[in-house]
Amino acid sequence: MVTPSTCCGKSGQGCVCATQAKCSCGEKSALQCTCGKAATENAVTGPRCSCRARPAGSCNCERSATENTTPSGDLCSCGARPATACTCEKATDGGLLPTETDFTHA
């Protein structure tokens, strides 16, 4: 199983936080939104939270207190994440990986 380099690694089975991520309305899993925000909620681009299912700064899993802070020090080229935890398209393993997509369908 491929796990993103930014994964919390809690379970050793992939990114647990991706299963907790919800659409901003709270009704559906992240990337499966059906509310009026679906057009933007289901097409996350640019810097993302560690599970890559929500935009950076908009995390709503149990790691939100950590994820939604403003990073300092060396930053990713997008400027929204630490350099060692880049999750935008410029990351070497950027984009949504199959494991995250599968978890959001759980």
Protein backbone atom coordinates (compact mmCIF):
# COMPACT_ATOMS: atom_id res chain seq x y z
CA MET A 1 0.00 0.00 0.00
CA VAL A 2 1.33 3.41 -0.93
CA THR A 3 1.18 5.90 1.94
CA PRO A 4 1.83 9.62 1.45
CA SER A 5 4.98 10.94 3.07
CA THR A 6 2.80 13.37 5.05
CA CYS A 7 0.55 10.69 6.58
CA CYS A 8 0.09 10.71 10.35
CA GLY A 9 1.01 7.01 10.34
CA LYS A 10 -1.22 6.17 13.30
CA SER A 11 -2.41 2.78 12.14
CA GLY A 12 0.48 1.54 10.01
CA GLN A 13 -2.28 0.70 7.51
CA GLY A 14 -2.44 3.95 5.56
CA CYS A 15 -3.74 7.39 6.41
CA VAL A 16 -6.40 7.13 9.13
CA CYS A 17 -7.12 10.85 8.98
CA ALA A 18 -8.40 10.53 5.41
CA THR A 19 -11.28 8.40 6.71
CA GLN A 20 -12.22 11.18 9.15
CA ALA A 21 -12.08 14.06 6.65
CA LYS A 22 -15.52 15.44 5.79
CA CYS A 23 -16.97 17.90 3.30
CA SER A 24 -17.18 21.33 4.92
CA CYS A 25 -20.95 20.87 5.36
CA GLY A 26 -20.21 17.73 7.41
CA GLU A 27 -22.69 15.57 5.51
CA LYS A 28 -20.34 13.44 3.40
CA SER A 29 -16.75 12.23 3.32
CA ALA A 30 -14.23 14.65 1.85
CA LEU A 31 -14.20 14.61 -1.94
CA GLN A 32 -17.72 13.12 -1.95
CA CYS A 33 -19.64 16.33 -1.24
CA THR A 34 -23.18 16.69 -2.63
CA CYS A 35 -24.10 20.08 -1.14
CA GLY A 36 -23.96 23.44 -2.89
CA LYS A 37 -20.18 23.50 -2.43
CA ALA A 38 -19.63 20.22 -4.31
CA ALA A 39 -17.94 21.85 -7.31
CA THR A 40 -15.13 23.18 -5.14
CA GLU A 41 -15.17 20.57 -2.35
CA ASN A 42 -14.68 17.61 -4.70
CA ALA A 43 -11.82 19.16 -6.68
CA VAL A 44 -9.10 19.88 -4.13
CA THR A 45 -6.08 21.41 -5.84
CA GLY A 46 -3.02 23.20 -4.53
CA PRO A 47 -1.68 22.66 -1.01
CA ARG A 48 -3.64 20.16 1.04
CA CYS A 49 -3.77 18.85 4.59
CA SER A 50 -1.70 15.76 5.35
CA CYS A 51 -4.32 13.27 4.16
CA ARG A 52 -4.68 15.35 0.98
CA ALA A 53 -8.47 15.23 1.10
CA ARG A 54 -8.98 18.83 2.31
CA PRO A 55 -7.29 22.14 1.45
CA ALA A 56 -4.37 23.17 3.67
CA GLY A 57 -5.76 25.17 6.59
CA SER A 58 -9.19 23.55 6.28
CA CYS A 59 -8.51 20.20 7.90
CA ASN A 60 -11.45 18.82 9.89
CA CYS A 61 -10.15 15.49 11.17
CA GLU A 62 -8.81 14.93 14.69
CA ARG A 63 -5.50 16.51 13.60
CA SER A 64 -7.11 19.84 12.70
CA ALA A 65 -5.52 21.72 15.62
CA THR A 66 -2.08 20.77 14.27
CA GLU A 67 -2.92 20.85 10.56
CA ASN A 68 -4.56 24.27 10.53
CA THR A 69 -1.66 26.19 12.06
CA THR A 70 0.46 28.55 9.99
CA PRO A 71 3.81 26.86 9.32
CA SER A 72 7.12 28.56 10.02
CA GLY A 73 10.69 27.87 9.04
CA ASP A 74 11.49 26.23 5.69
CA LEU A 75 8.35 26.04 3.59
CA CYS A 76 7.21 24.07 0.55
CA SER A 77 7.41 26.12 -2.66
CA CYS A 78 3.68 26.86 -2.39
CA GLY A 79 4.34 28.46 1.03
CA ALA A 80 1.41 26.77 2.78
CA ARG A 81 3.14 23.71 4.26
CA PRO A 82 6.50 22.87 5.87
CA ALA A 83 9.19 21.95 3.31
CA THR A 84 9.32 18.40 4.68
CA ALA A 85 5.55 17.94 4.34
CA CYS A 86 4.68 19.41 0.95
CA THR A 87 1.28 18.27 -0.32
CA CYS A 88 0.72 20.43 -3.38
CA GLU A 89 1.22 19.35 -6.98
CA LYS A 90 4.90 20.34 -6.66
CA ALA A 91 5.55 17.60 -4.09
CA THR A 92 7.51 14.58 -5.31
CA ASP A 93 4.53 12.43 -4.35
CA GLY A 94 1.99 15.22 -4.95
CA GLY A 95 -1.61 14.82 -5.90
CA LEU A 96 -4.17 12.46 -4.50
CA LEU A 97 -2.88 8.93 -4.23
CA PRO A 98 -5.17 5.92 -4.77
CA THR A 99 -5.11 5.04 -1.08
CA GLU A 100 -6.55 8.43 -0.07
CA THR A 101 -9.33 8.20 -2.63
CA ASP A 102 -10.22 4.73 -1.36
CA PHE A 103 -10.29 5.91 2.26
CA THR A 104 -12.62 8.81 1.56
CA HIS A 105 -15.14 6.33 0.16
CA ALA A 106 -15.24 4.47 3.47
